[in-house]
């Protein structure tokens, strides 16, 4: 079944004509296909099968603009919702945020696992509005400052620095920028582990492009 397609000049979503939906609920309206989402999830899981127990997480902001689709995160989709938070890369001052988490953990009597987001300084080559991996972008701590950023967080009692994260942008149609970013992330993790940080989680972000033009391949070679 084609999840979205033209039939007699009318766009359909899973056999349902969009004008019918518009008449029933009004406009503007966001229409999502659970079949398409499941299909993409299965394809991604198959592609990551060689990895050991990869976590495929769903970014709630992708379909929750002003609460547009809360059903996307409900069963039977079986997503694990995940949100991300960045820190001010201009100051590298993550200690106040870490201390805030510490206060919450102490009140709850728990040790809180934390992760920090870093900027790998990789230009993804997509649209400027959705390219966020270069050094001039505001998201994430500069990757070269990883040891200095992790040291004070790792020393706070009640917190356990478990993970690191990067995200260079959206609608990426070439794997080359991702490979560069992942390589820099790996080098950073090796250094942090050598400094006795028990990094167990590496969130490599998302960004795989959508094939809006069926005549083009989804992912292009670095030369393309």
N, C-alpha and C. Protein backbone atom coordinates (compact mmCIF):
# COMPACT_ATOMS: atom_id res chain seq x y z
N UNK A 1 0.84 -1.19 0.00
CA UNK A 1 0.00 0.00 0.00
C UNK A 1 0.88 1.24 0.00
N UNK A 2 0.57 2.19 -0.89
CA UNK A 2 1.29 3.46 -0.93
C UNK A 2 0.72 4.37 0.14
N UNK A 3 1.56 4.84 1.03
CA UNK A 3 1.06 5.63 2.17
C UNK A 3 0.55 6.99 1.73
N UNK A 4 1.26 7.66 0.83
CA UNK A 4 0.81 8.93 0.28
C UNK A 4 0.95 8.85 -1.24
N UNK A 5 -0.08 9.25 -1.97
CA UNK A 5 0.02 9.19 -3.42
C UNK A 5 -1.17 9.87 -4.08
N UNK A 6 -1.01 10.13 -5.39
CA UNK A 6 -2.07 10.76 -6.18
C UNK A 6 -2.97 9.71 -6.81
N UNK A 7 -4.25 9.94 -6.69
CA UNK A 7 -5.24 9.12 -7.37
C UNK A 7 -6.28 10.04 -7.99
N UNK A 8 -6.34 10.03 -9.30
CA UNK A 8 -7.26 10.93 -10.01
C UNK A 8 -7.05 12.37 -9.56
N UNK A 9 -5.76 12.76 -9.50
CA UNK A 9 -5.36 14.13 -9.16
C UNK A 9 -5.68 14.51 -7.72
N UNK A 10 -5.95 13.55 -6.86
CA UNK A 10 -6.26 13.82 -5.46
C UNK A 10 -5.26 13.07 -4.58
N UNK A 11 -4.65 13.78 -3.63
CA UNK A 11 -3.69 13.15 -2.73
C UNK A 11 -4.44 12.29 -1.72
N UNK A 12 -3.98 11.05 -1.57
CA UNK A 12 -4.56 10.12 -0.60
C UNK A 12 -3.52 9.76 0.46
N UNK A 13 -3.98 9.51 1.67
CA UNK A 13 -3.15 8.98 2.75
C UNK A 13 -3.75 7.66 3.18
N UNK A 14 -3.05 6.58 2.91
CA UNK A 14 -3.53 5.24 3.27
C UNK A 14 -4.98 5.02 2.81
N UNK A 15 -5.20 5.22 1.53
CA UNK A 15 -6.49 4.99 0.89
C UNK A 15 -7.53 6.08 1.17
N UNK A 16 -7.22 7.04 2.02
CA UNK A 16 -8.19 8.07 2.39
C UNK A 16 -7.85 9.38 1.66
N UNK A 17 -8.78 9.94 0.90
CA UNK A 17 -8.50 11.21 0.22
C UNK A 17 -8.38 12.37 1.23
N UNK A 18 -7.37 13.19 1.05
CA UNK A 18 -7.16 14.28 2.00
C UNK A 18 -8.31 15.29 2.03
N UNK A 19 -8.99 15.58 0.92
CA UNK A 19 -10.14 16.48 1.02
C UNK A 19 -11.21 15.97 1.97
N UNK A 20 -11.37 14.64 2.04
CA UNK A 20 -12.35 14.07 2.96
C UNK A 20 -11.96 14.37 4.41
N UNK A 21 -10.68 14.25 4.71
CA UNK A 21 -10.20 14.57 6.07
C UNK A 21 -10.40 16.05 6.35
N UNK A 22 -10.08 16.89 5.38
CA UNK A 22 -10.22 18.34 5.57
C UNK A 22 -11.66 18.72 5.86
N UNK A 23 -12.59 18.10 5.14
CA UNK A 23 -14.01 18.40 5.39
C UNK A 23 -14.46 17.92 6.76
N UNK A 24 -13.88 16.82 7.22
CA UNK A 24 -14.30 16.25 8.50
C UNK A 24 -13.75 17.02 9.69
N UNK A 25 -12.51 17.50 9.61
CA UNK A 25 -11.88 18.12 10.79
C UNK A 25 -11.52 19.58 10.58
N UNK A 26 -11.64 20.08 9.37
CA UNK A 26 -11.28 21.47 9.11
C UNK A 26 -9.80 21.60 8.75
N UNK A 27 -9.43 22.82 8.39
CA UNK A 27 -8.04 23.11 8.03
C UNK A 27 -7.55 24.34 8.78
N UNK A 28 -6.25 24.52 8.98
CA UNK A 28 -5.19 23.59 8.55
C UNK A 28 -5.17 22.33 9.42
N UNK A 29 -4.66 21.25 8.85
CA UNK A 29 -4.61 19.98 9.56
C UNK A 29 -3.34 19.24 9.16
N UNK A 30 -2.69 18.62 10.12
CA UNK A 30 -1.53 17.77 9.87
C UNK A 30 -1.99 16.33 9.75
N UNK A 31 -1.63 15.67 8.67
CA UNK A 31 -2.04 14.28 8.44
C UNK A 31 -0.79 13.41 8.44
N UNK A 32 -0.76 12.43 9.33
CA UNK A 32 0.38 11.53 9.44
C UNK A 32 -0.06 10.11 9.10
N UNK A 33 0.85 9.34 8.55
CA UNK A 33 0.57 7.95 8.21
C UNK A 33 1.32 7.04 9.17
N UNK A 34 0.58 6.31 9.99
CA UNK A 34 1.24 5.37 10.90
C UNK A 34 1.92 4.25 10.12
N UNK A 35 1.34 3.87 8.97
CA UNK A 35 1.95 2.83 8.14
C UNK A 35 3.30 3.29 7.61
N UNK A 36 3.37 4.56 7.19
CA UNK A 36 4.64 5.09 6.69
C UNK A 36 5.68 5.15 7.79
N UNK A 37 5.24 5.54 9.00
CA UNK A 37 6.17 5.62 10.12
C UNK A 37 6.71 4.25 10.49
N UNK A 38 5.82 3.25 10.51
CA UNK A 38 6.27 1.90 10.81
C UNK A 38 7.22 1.37 9.74
N UNK A 39 6.91 1.68 8.49
CA UNK A 39 7.76 1.23 7.38
C UNK A 39 9.17 1.82 7.51
N UNK A 40 9.25 3.11 7.82
CA UNK A 40 10.56 3.75 7.96
C UNK A 40 11.30 3.20 9.18
N UNK A 41 10.57 2.93 10.26
CA UNK A 41 11.20 2.37 11.46
C UNK A 41 11.77 0.99 11.18
N UNK A 42 11.02 0.18 10.43
CA UNK A 42 11.52 -1.16 10.08
C UNK A 42 12.76 -1.08 9.19
N UNK A 43 12.75 -0.13 8.24
CA UNK A 43 13.90 0.02 7.35
C UNK A 43 15.13 0.47 8.13
N UNK A 44 14.94 1.39 9.07
CA UNK A 44 16.06 1.87 9.87
C UNK A 44 16.59 0.77 10.78
N UNK A 45 15.69 0.00 11.38
CA UNK A 45 16.12 -1.10 12.24
C UNK A 45 16.89 -2.15 11.44
N UNK A 46 16.43 -2.43 10.22
CA UNK A 46 17.13 -3.40 9.38
C UNK A 46 18.53 -2.90 9.01
N UNK A 47 18.63 -1.59 8.73
CA UNK A 47 19.93 -1.03 8.36
C UNK A 47 20.91 -1.05 9.53
N UNK A 48 20.38 -0.95 10.75
CA UNK A 48 21.22 -0.92 11.95
C UNK A 48 21.39 -2.30 12.58
N UNK A 49 20.89 -3.33 11.90
CA UNK A 49 20.93 -4.68 12.46
C UNK A 49 22.34 -5.15 12.85
N UNK A 50 23.40 -4.76 12.12
CA UNK A 50 24.74 -5.20 12.52
C UNK A 50 25.21 -4.63 13.86
N UNK A 51 24.59 -3.56 14.31
CA UNK A 51 24.99 -2.97 15.59
C UNK A 51 24.39 -3.77 16.74
N UNK A 52 24.96 -3.63 17.91
CA UNK A 52 24.49 -4.36 19.07
C UNK A 52 23.37 -3.60 19.77
N UNK A 53 22.16 -4.08 19.64
CA UNK A 53 20.99 -3.54 20.34
C UNK A 53 20.89 -2.02 20.20
N UNK A 54 20.76 -1.50 18.99
CA UNK A 54 20.64 -0.05 18.82
C UNK A 54 19.31 0.47 19.36
N UNK A 55 19.32 1.65 19.93
CA UNK A 55 18.10 2.30 20.41
C UNK A 55 17.59 3.23 19.31
N UNK A 56 16.41 2.96 18.83
CA UNK A 56 15.78 3.84 17.85
C UNK A 56 14.75 4.68 18.59
N UNK A 57 15.03 5.95 18.72
CA UNK A 57 14.18 6.84 19.52
C UNK A 57 13.43 7.80 18.60
N UNK A 58 12.28 8.22 19.04
CA UNK A 58 11.42 9.10 18.24
C UNK A 58 11.44 10.51 18.82
N UNK A 59 11.77 11.49 18.00
CA UNK A 59 11.79 12.90 18.44
C UNK A 59 10.37 13.44 18.44
N UNK A 60 9.85 13.70 19.62
CA UNK A 60 8.46 14.14 19.73
C UNK A 60 8.20 15.42 18.95
N UNK A 61 9.21 16.30 18.86
CA UNK A 61 8.97 17.57 18.18
C UNK A 61 8.70 17.38 16.69
N UNK A 62 9.00 16.21 16.15
CA UNK A 62 8.79 15.97 14.72
C UNK A 62 7.32 16.06 14.35
N UNK A 63 6.43 15.65 15.23
CA UNK A 63 5.00 15.67 14.90
C UNK A 63 4.17 16.32 16.01
N UNK A 64 4.81 16.98 16.95
CA UNK A 64 4.04 17.55 18.07
C UNK A 64 4.08 19.06 18.07
N UNK A 65 4.07 19.66 16.90
CA UNK A 65 3.99 21.11 16.84
C UNK A 65 2.65 21.55 17.42
N UNK A 66 2.72 22.22 18.56
CA UNK A 66 1.52 22.64 19.27
C UNK A 66 0.58 21.46 19.55
N UNK A 67 1.19 20.31 19.84
CA UNK A 67 0.38 19.15 20.21
C UNK A 67 -0.39 18.57 19.05
N UNK A 68 0.16 18.71 17.82
CA UNK A 68 -0.62 18.34 16.64
C UNK A 68 -0.90 16.85 16.54
N UNK A 69 -0.03 16.00 17.09
CA UNK A 69 -0.25 14.57 16.91
C UNK A 69 0.22 13.77 18.11
N UNK A 70 -0.44 13.88 19.24
CA UNK A 70 -0.04 13.10 20.42
C UNK A 70 -0.17 11.60 20.20
N UNK A 71 -1.01 11.18 19.25
CA UNK A 71 -1.20 9.75 19.02
C UNK A 71 0.05 9.09 18.44
N UNK A 72 0.98 9.90 17.90
CA UNK A 72 2.17 9.33 17.28
C UNK A 72 3.03 8.58 18.28
N UNK A 73 2.97 8.96 19.55
CA UNK A 73 3.82 8.34 20.56
C UNK A 73 3.09 7.29 21.38
N UNK A 74 1.86 6.99 21.03
CA UNK A 74 1.09 6.01 21.78
C UNK A 74 1.21 4.63 21.14
N UNK A 75 0.98 3.56 21.92
CA UNK A 75 0.92 2.22 21.33
C UNK A 75 -0.17 2.21 20.26
N UNK A 76 -0.05 1.40 19.18
CA UNK A 76 0.95 0.35 19.02
C UNK A 76 2.23 0.78 18.32
N UNK A 77 2.52 2.09 18.25
CA UNK A 77 3.71 2.52 17.55
C UNK A 77 4.98 1.99 18.21
N UNK A 78 4.97 1.84 19.54
CA UNK A 78 6.09 1.28 20.28
C UNK A 78 7.38 2.08 20.10
N UNK A 79 7.22 3.41 19.99
CA UNK A 79 8.39 4.29 19.97
C UNK A 79 8.86 4.51 21.39
N UNK A 80 10.12 4.86 21.54
CA UNK A 80 10.60 5.36 22.82
C UNK A 80 10.84 6.85 22.65
N UNK A 81 9.93 7.70 23.17
CA UNK A 81 10.08 9.13 22.96
C UNK A 81 11.36 9.64 23.58
N UNK A 82 11.97 10.61 22.93
CA UNK A 82 13.20 11.20 23.45
C UNK A 82 13.23 12.67 23.11
N UNK A 83 13.64 13.47 24.06
CA UNK A 83 13.84 14.89 23.81
C UNK A 83 15.30 15.21 24.01
N UNK A 84 15.74 16.33 23.45
CA UNK A 84 17.14 16.74 23.55
C UNK A 84 17.20 18.15 24.11
N UNK A 85 18.28 18.44 24.79
CA UNK A 85 18.50 19.78 25.31
C UNK A 85 19.93 20.18 25.05
N UNK A 86 20.10 21.38 24.52
CA UNK A 86 21.45 21.88 24.27
C UNK A 86 21.86 22.88 25.33
N UNK A 87 23.15 23.17 25.42
CA UNK A 87 23.67 24.14 26.36
C UNK A 87 24.30 25.29 25.59
N UNK A 88 24.52 26.39 26.27
CA UNK A 88 25.09 27.58 25.64
C UNK A 88 26.54 27.33 25.28
N UNK A 89 26.81 27.19 23.98
CA UNK A 89 28.17 26.89 23.56
C UNK A 89 29.08 28.11 23.66
N UNK A 90 28.50 29.30 23.83
CA UNK A 90 29.34 30.50 23.89
C UNK A 90 30.08 30.59 25.22
N UNK A 91 29.51 30.06 26.28
CA UNK A 91 30.13 30.21 27.59
C UNK A 91 30.73 28.91 28.12
N UNK A 92 30.26 27.77 27.59
CA UNK A 92 30.71 26.45 28.06
C UNK A 92 30.41 26.25 29.54
N UNK A 93 29.45 26.98 30.06
CA UNK A 93 29.16 26.92 31.48
C UNK A 93 27.99 25.97 31.71
N UNK A 94 28.29 24.68 31.83
CA UNK A 94 27.24 23.68 32.02
C UNK A 94 27.02 23.37 33.49
N UNK A 95 27.87 23.89 34.36
CA UNK A 95 27.78 23.54 35.78
C UNK A 95 26.45 23.97 36.39
N UNK A 96 25.94 25.20 36.14
CA UNK A 96 24.63 25.56 36.73
C UNK A 96 23.52 24.60 36.34
N UNK A 97 23.49 24.18 35.07
CA UNK A 97 22.47 23.22 34.65
C UNK A 97 22.66 21.88 35.36
N UNK A 98 23.91 21.45 35.48
CA UNK A 98 24.19 20.18 36.16
C UNK A 98 23.80 20.26 37.63
N UNK A 99 24.06 21.39 38.25
CA UNK A 99 23.69 21.54 39.67
C UNK A 99 22.18 21.53 39.84
N UNK A 100 21.46 22.05 38.86
CA UNK A 100 19.99 22.01 38.93
C UNK A 100 19.51 20.56 38.89
N UNK A 101 20.07 19.75 37.97
CA UNK A 101 19.72 18.34 37.93
C UNK A 101 20.09 17.66 39.25
N UNK A 102 21.23 18.06 39.81
CA UNK A 102 21.68 17.46 41.06
C UNK A 102 20.67 17.72 42.18
N UNK A 103 20.16 18.94 42.25
CA UNK A 103 19.18 19.28 43.29
C UNK A 103 17.93 18.40 43.17
N UNK A 104 17.49 18.19 41.94
CA UNK A 104 16.31 17.35 41.72
C UNK A 104 16.61 15.91 42.14
N UNK A 105 17.80 15.42 41.76
CA UNK A 105 18.17 14.04 42.11
C UNK A 105 18.25 13.85 43.61
N UNK A 106 18.80 14.83 44.31
CA UNK A 106 18.93 14.73 45.77
C UNK A 106 17.55 14.68 46.41
N UNK A 107 16.64 15.53 45.94
CA UNK A 107 15.29 15.55 46.50
C UNK A 107 14.58 14.22 46.29
N UNK A 108 14.90 13.56 45.17
CA UNK A 108 14.25 12.29 44.86
C UNK A 108 15.01 11.10 45.42
N UNK A 109 16.19 11.36 45.99
CA UNK A 109 16.99 10.28 46.54
C UNK A 109 17.54 9.35 45.47
N UNK A 110 17.91 9.91 44.33
CA UNK A 110 18.37 9.08 43.23
C UNK A 110 19.67 9.63 42.64
N UNK A 111 20.36 8.78 41.90
CA UNK A 111 21.50 9.20 41.10
C UNK A 111 21.00 9.40 39.68
N UNK A 112 21.17 10.61 39.16
CA UNK A 112 20.60 10.95 37.86
C UNK A 112 21.61 10.72 36.74
N UNK A 113 21.26 9.91 35.75
CA UNK A 113 22.13 9.76 34.58
C UNK A 113 22.00 10.99 33.69
N UNK A 114 23.10 11.53 33.21
CA UNK A 114 23.06 12.72 32.38
C UNK A 114 23.90 12.51 31.13
N UNK A 115 23.61 13.32 30.13
CA UNK A 115 24.37 13.32 28.88
C UNK A 115 24.56 14.77 28.45
N UNK A 116 25.63 15.03 27.73
CA UNK A 116 25.91 16.37 27.23
C UNK A 116 25.91 16.34 25.70
N UNK A 117 25.41 17.44 25.14
CA UNK A 117 25.39 17.55 23.68
C UNK A 117 26.58 18.38 23.21
N UNK A 118 27.24 17.87 22.16
CA UNK A 118 28.43 18.52 21.63
C UNK A 118 28.24 18.89 20.17
N UNK A 119 28.99 19.89 19.74
CA UNK A 119 28.97 20.34 18.35
C UNK A 119 30.23 19.83 17.67
N UNK A 120 30.11 18.91 16.68
CA UNK A 120 31.30 18.31 16.08
C UNK A 120 31.96 19.16 15.01
N UNK A 121 31.39 20.33 14.73
CA UNK A 121 31.92 21.23 13.70
C UNK A 121 31.97 20.54 12.34
N UNK A 122 30.81 20.08 11.90
CA UNK A 122 30.67 19.44 10.59
C UNK A 122 29.54 20.14 9.84
N UNK A 123 29.83 20.65 8.67
CA UNK A 123 28.81 21.29 7.84
C UNK A 123 28.08 20.20 7.06
N UNK A 124 26.78 19.99 7.32
CA UNK A 124 26.08 18.86 6.72
C UNK A 124 25.72 19.05 5.25
N UNK A 125 25.70 20.29 4.77
CA UNK A 125 25.40 20.51 3.36
C UNK A 125 23.93 20.58 3.04
N UNK A 126 23.06 20.62 4.03
CA UNK A 126 21.63 20.75 3.78
C UNK A 126 21.25 22.23 3.86
N UNK A 127 19.97 22.51 3.89
CA UNK A 127 19.50 23.89 3.94
C UNK A 127 20.02 24.59 5.19
N UNK A 128 20.37 25.86 5.05
CA UNK A 128 20.98 26.61 6.15
C UNK A 128 20.11 26.64 7.40
N UNK A 129 18.80 26.62 7.22
CA UNK A 129 17.89 26.71 8.37
C UNK A 129 17.84 25.42 9.18
N UNK A 130 18.29 24.31 8.61
CA UNK A 130 18.26 23.03 9.33
C UNK A 130 19.65 22.41 9.41
N UNK A 131 20.69 23.22 9.22
CA UNK A 131 22.08 22.77 9.37
C UNK A 131 22.59 23.30 10.70
N UNK A 132 22.87 22.41 11.64
CA UNK A 132 23.20 22.86 12.99
C UNK A 132 24.44 22.18 13.55
N UNK A 133 25.33 21.70 12.67
CA UNK A 133 26.50 20.97 13.15
C UNK A 133 27.81 21.70 13.01
N UNK A 134 27.80 22.90 12.42
CA UNK A 134 29.04 23.64 12.22
C UNK A 134 29.36 24.47 13.46
N UNK A 135 30.61 24.91 13.55
CA UNK A 135 31.07 25.62 14.74
C UNK A 135 30.29 26.90 14.99
N UNK A 136 29.81 27.54 13.92
CA UNK A 136 29.11 28.81 14.10
C UNK A 136 27.66 28.63 14.54
N UNK A 137 27.18 27.40 14.55
CA UNK A 137 25.82 27.14 15.03
C UNK A 137 25.77 27.14 16.55
N UNK A 138 24.62 27.47 17.09
CA UNK A 138 24.52 27.70 18.54
C UNK A 138 24.30 26.44 19.35
N UNK A 139 24.06 25.30 18.71
CA UNK A 139 23.67 24.11 19.46
C UNK A 139 24.88 23.26 19.84
N UNK A 140 24.98 22.94 21.12
CA UNK A 140 26.01 22.02 21.59
C UNK A 140 27.29 22.69 22.02
N UNK A 141 28.01 22.00 22.88
CA UNK A 141 29.32 22.45 23.36
C UNK A 141 30.36 22.12 22.29
N UNK A 142 31.29 23.02 22.00
CA UNK A 142 32.34 22.71 21.03
C UNK A 142 33.03 21.40 21.39
N UNK A 143 33.18 20.52 20.41
CA UNK A 143 33.69 19.18 20.69
C UNK A 143 35.10 19.21 21.27
N UNK A 144 35.88 20.22 20.92
CA UNK A 144 37.22 20.33 21.48
C UNK A 144 37.25 20.64 22.96
N UNK A 145 36.11 21.13 23.48
CA UNK A 145 36.02 21.47 24.89
C UNK A 145 35.41 20.35 25.72
N UNK A 146 35.30 19.17 25.14
CA UNK A 146 34.64 18.06 25.83
C UNK A 146 35.27 17.73 27.18
N UNK A 147 36.60 17.59 27.27
CA UNK A 147 37.17 17.26 28.58
C UNK A 147 36.88 18.32 29.63
N UNK A 148 36.99 19.59 29.26
CA UNK A 148 36.75 20.67 30.22
C UNK A 148 35.29 20.72 30.64
N UNK A 149 34.37 20.37 29.73
CA UNK A 149 32.94 20.40 30.06
C UNK A 149 32.54 19.22 30.91
N UNK A 150 33.12 18.05 30.64
CA UNK A 150 32.72 16.84 31.35
C UNK A 150 33.32 16.72 32.74
N UNK A 151 34.50 17.31 32.93
CA UNK A 151 35.19 17.16 34.21
C UNK A 151 34.35 17.62 35.39
N UNK A 152 33.81 18.85 35.40
CA UNK A 152 33.03 19.28 36.58
C UNK A 152 31.74 18.53 36.75
N UNK A 153 31.11 18.11 35.63
CA UNK A 153 29.85 17.37 35.72
C UNK A 153 30.11 15.99 36.32
N UNK A 154 31.20 15.35 35.89
CA UNK A 154 31.52 14.03 36.40
C UNK A 154 31.90 13.99 37.86
N UNK A 155 32.26 15.14 38.41
CA UNK A 155 32.67 15.20 39.81
C UNK A 155 31.53 15.50 40.76
N UNK A 156 30.37 15.84 40.23
CA UNK A 156 29.24 16.17 41.09
C UNK A 156 28.59 14.90 41.64
N UNK A 157 28.44 14.79 42.95
CA UNK A 157 27.76 13.61 43.51
C UNK A 157 26.27 13.64 43.15
N UNK A 158 25.72 12.49 42.95
CA UNK A 158 24.31 12.44 42.61
C UNK A 158 24.05 12.47 41.12
N UNK A 159 25.11 12.70 40.33
CA UNK A 159 24.99 12.66 38.88
C UNK A 159 25.94 11.61 38.33
N UNK A 160 25.53 10.95 37.27
CA UNK A 160 26.39 10.00 36.59
C UNK A 160 26.42 10.34 35.11
N UNK A 161 27.57 10.82 34.64
CA UNK A 161 27.72 11.18 33.25
C UNK A 161 27.82 9.91 32.42
N UNK A 162 26.76 9.61 31.70
CA UNK A 162 26.68 8.35 30.96
C UNK A 162 26.77 8.53 29.46
N UNK A 163 26.38 9.69 28.94
CA UNK A 163 26.25 9.79 27.50
C UNK A 163 26.71 11.09 26.90
N UNK A 164 26.89 11.05 25.60
CA UNK A 164 27.21 12.23 24.81
C UNK A 164 26.31 12.21 23.58
N UNK A 165 26.06 13.38 23.02
CA UNK A 165 25.14 13.47 21.89
C UNK A 165 25.63 14.50 20.89
N UNK A 166 25.32 14.25 19.62
CA UNK A 166 25.54 15.22 18.56
C UNK A 166 24.33 15.19 17.63
N UNK A 167 24.14 16.25 16.87
CA UNK A 167 23.10 16.30 15.84
C UNK A 167 23.50 17.41 14.88
N UNK A 168 23.82 17.06 13.64
CA UNK A 168 24.38 18.06 12.73
C UNK A 168 23.34 18.69 11.82
N UNK A 169 22.14 18.14 11.76
CA UNK A 169 21.12 18.76 10.92
C UNK A 169 20.13 17.77 10.37
N UNK A 170 19.21 18.29 9.57
CA UNK A 170 18.12 17.48 9.01
C UNK A 170 18.21 17.45 7.49
N UNK A 171 17.46 16.52 6.90
CA UNK A 171 17.36 16.36 5.45
C UNK A 171 18.73 16.15 4.80
N UNK A 172 19.51 15.21 5.38
CA UNK A 172 20.83 14.89 4.83
C UNK A 172 20.68 13.81 3.77
N UNK A 173 21.17 14.08 2.58
CA UNK A 173 21.04 13.12 1.48
C UNK A 173 22.38 12.51 1.10
N UNK A 174 23.42 12.80 1.84
CA UNK A 174 24.73 12.18 1.63
C UNK A 174 25.24 11.66 2.96
N UNK A 175 25.80 10.45 3.00
CA UNK A 175 26.30 9.91 4.26
C UNK A 175 27.65 10.48 4.67
N UNK A 176 28.31 11.22 3.79
CA UNK A 176 29.66 11.71 4.08
C UNK A 176 29.72 12.59 5.33
N UNK A 177 28.86 13.61 5.49
CA UNK A 177 28.92 14.43 6.70
C UNK A 177 28.66 13.63 7.97
N UNK A 178 27.75 12.66 7.89
CA UNK A 178 27.47 11.83 9.05
C UNK A 178 28.71 11.02 9.43
N UNK A 179 29.39 10.46 8.43
CA UNK A 179 30.60 9.70 8.71
C UNK A 179 31.67 10.54 9.38
N UNK A 180 31.82 11.78 8.93
CA UNK A 180 32.80 12.68 9.55
C UNK A 180 32.42 12.99 10.99
N UNK A 181 31.14 13.29 11.20
CA UNK A 181 30.69 13.61 12.55
C UNK A 181 30.83 12.42 13.49
N UNK A 182 30.47 11.23 13.01
CA UNK A 182 30.56 10.04 13.85
C UNK A 182 32.02 9.73 14.19
N UNK A 183 32.92 9.96 13.24
CA UNK A 183 34.33 9.73 13.51
C UNK A 183 34.86 10.65 14.60
N UNK A 184 34.46 11.92 14.55
CA UNK A 184 34.89 12.87 15.58
C UNK A 184 34.26 12.52 16.93
N UNK A 185 33.02 12.04 16.89
CA UNK A 185 32.38 11.62 18.13
C UNK A 185 33.13 10.45 18.75
N UNK A 186 33.55 9.49 17.92
CA UNK A 186 34.28 8.34 18.43
C UNK A 186 35.60 8.73 19.07
N UNK A 187 36.32 9.65 18.44
CA UNK A 187 37.59 10.12 19.01
C UNK A 187 37.35 10.80 20.36
N UNK A 188 36.28 11.60 20.43
CA UNK A 188 35.95 12.28 21.68
C UNK A 188 35.62 11.28 22.78
N UNK A 189 34.85 10.24 22.45
CA UNK A 189 34.48 9.23 23.46
C UNK A 189 35.72 8.50 23.96
N UNK A 190 36.63 8.16 23.05
CA UNK A 190 37.87 7.50 23.46
C UNK A 190 38.64 8.36 24.46
N UNK A 191 38.71 9.65 24.19
CA UNK A 191 39.44 10.53 25.11
C UNK A 191 38.75 10.62 26.46
N UNK A 192 37.42 10.75 26.43
CA UNK A 192 36.69 10.86 27.69
C UNK A 192 36.83 9.57 28.51
N UNK A 193 36.77 8.43 27.84
CA UNK A 193 36.92 7.16 28.56
C UNK A 193 38.33 7.03 29.14
N UNK A 194 39.33 7.56 28.42
CA UNK A 194 40.69 7.51 28.95
C UNK A 194 40.85 8.39 30.18
N UNK A 195 39.93 9.35 30.34
CA UNK A 195 39.94 10.21 31.51
C UNK A 195 38.94 9.74 32.56
N UNK A 196 38.57 8.47 32.46
CA UNK A 196 37.75 7.78 33.47
C UNK A 196 36.30 8.24 33.50
N UNK A 197 35.79 8.69 32.38
CA UNK A 197 34.35 8.93 32.26
C UNK A 197 33.73 7.68 31.67
N UNK A 198 32.72 7.13 32.33
CA UNK A 198 32.09 5.88 31.89
C UNK A 198 31.00 6.19 30.86
N UNK A 199 31.41 6.53 29.64
CA UNK A 199 30.46 6.86 28.59
C UNK A 199 29.89 5.57 28.01
N UNK A 200 28.58 5.37 28.17
CA UNK A 200 27.92 4.16 27.69
C UNK A 200 26.90 4.42 26.59
N UNK A 201 26.54 5.70 26.42
CA UNK A 201 25.51 6.03 25.45
C UNK A 201 26.05 7.09 24.49
N UNK A 202 25.91 6.84 23.20
CA UNK A 202 26.30 7.81 22.18
C UNK A 202 25.08 8.09 21.30
N UNK A 203 24.50 9.26 21.48
CA UNK A 203 23.35 9.66 20.67
C UNK A 203 23.89 10.40 19.45
N UNK A 204 23.78 9.76 18.29
CA UNK A 204 24.37 10.32 17.07
C UNK A 204 23.39 11.17 16.28
N UNK A 205 22.24 11.46 16.87
CA UNK A 205 21.29 12.34 16.21
C UNK A 205 20.55 11.67 15.08
N UNK A 206 19.85 12.47 14.30
CA UNK A 206 19.09 11.97 13.16
C UNK A 206 19.48 12.72 11.91
N UNK A 207 18.51 12.95 11.04
CA UNK A 207 18.78 13.78 9.89
C UNK A 207 18.70 13.12 8.54
N UNK A 208 18.42 11.79 8.46
CA UNK A 208 18.34 11.14 7.16
C UNK A 208 17.24 11.79 6.33
N UNK A 209 17.56 12.11 5.09
CA UNK A 209 16.66 12.89 4.26
C UNK A 209 15.43 12.14 3.78
N UNK A 210 14.42 12.90 3.43
CA UNK A 210 13.19 12.37 2.83
C UNK A 210 13.31 12.51 1.32
N UNK A 211 12.97 11.47 0.60
CA UNK A 211 13.05 11.49 -0.86
C UNK A 211 11.79 12.14 -1.42
N UNK A 212 11.80 13.46 -1.56
CA UNK A 212 10.64 14.16 -2.09
C UNK A 212 10.48 13.92 -3.59
N UNK A 213 11.60 13.69 -4.28
CA UNK A 213 11.56 13.41 -5.71
C UNK A 213 11.80 11.91 -5.91
N UNK A 214 10.78 11.14 -6.29
CA UNK A 214 10.95 9.68 -6.43
C UNK A 214 12.02 9.27 -7.42
N UNK A 215 12.40 10.17 -8.34
CA UNK A 215 13.40 9.82 -9.35
C UNK A 215 14.82 9.87 -8.80
N UNK A 216 14.99 10.42 -7.60
CA UNK A 216 16.31 10.54 -6.99
C UNK A 216 16.50 9.48 -5.93
N UNK A 217 17.76 9.01 -5.72
CA UNK A 217 18.02 8.06 -4.63
C UNK A 217 17.88 8.75 -3.30
N UNK A 218 17.54 7.97 -2.26
CA UNK A 218 17.38 8.56 -0.93
C UNK A 218 18.68 9.10 -0.40
N UNK A 219 19.75 8.27 -0.49
CA UNK A 219 21.08 8.70 -0.06
C UNK A 219 22.00 8.69 -1.26
N UNK A 220 22.72 9.78 -1.44
CA UNK A 220 23.63 9.91 -2.57
C UNK A 220 25.04 9.63 -2.12
N UNK A 221 25.88 9.21 -3.05
CA UNK A 221 27.27 8.98 -2.75
C UNK A 221 27.96 10.29 -2.48
N UNK A 222 29.09 10.30 -1.74
CA UNK A 222 29.80 11.55 -1.47
C UNK A 222 30.12 12.33 -2.72
N UNK A 223 30.38 11.63 -3.84
CA UNK A 223 30.68 12.33 -5.08
C UNK A 223 29.45 12.94 -5.72
N UNK A 224 28.24 12.41 -5.33
CA UNK A 224 27.01 12.93 -5.93
C UNK A 224 26.50 14.13 -5.19
